[in-house]
Amino acid sequence: MARAYYLRGEARLSLGDNRGAEADFTTVVGVDPTNAGAYYNRGLARSRLGEKQGSGADYRTAAALYKRQGNQTAYNRAQKNSAKIAH
């Protein structure tokens, strides 16, 4: 189930449906709270919607999960986006 919502969320992001993408990625993290990609993408959707506080929190959560998973490249990307939001 989570995979279907994740894929639909990605499609919605690419089509500019940021509110729909946010909802799909929220469903994914509700089912799988260790899905770093879902937090990252929800952060992206929220950033595009102007929701700085929510997007920053999602990027920080994604970064922490990526770090635990040993994914340094994704960790760096999430950290960079989190820092952009903070300024």
Foldseek 3Di string as FASTA:
>chain_A
DLVVLQVVLVVCVVVVVLVSSLVSLVVNCVVPVLPLVSLQSNLVSCVVVVNLVSSLVSLVSSLVSCVVVVNVVSNVVSVVVSVVSVD
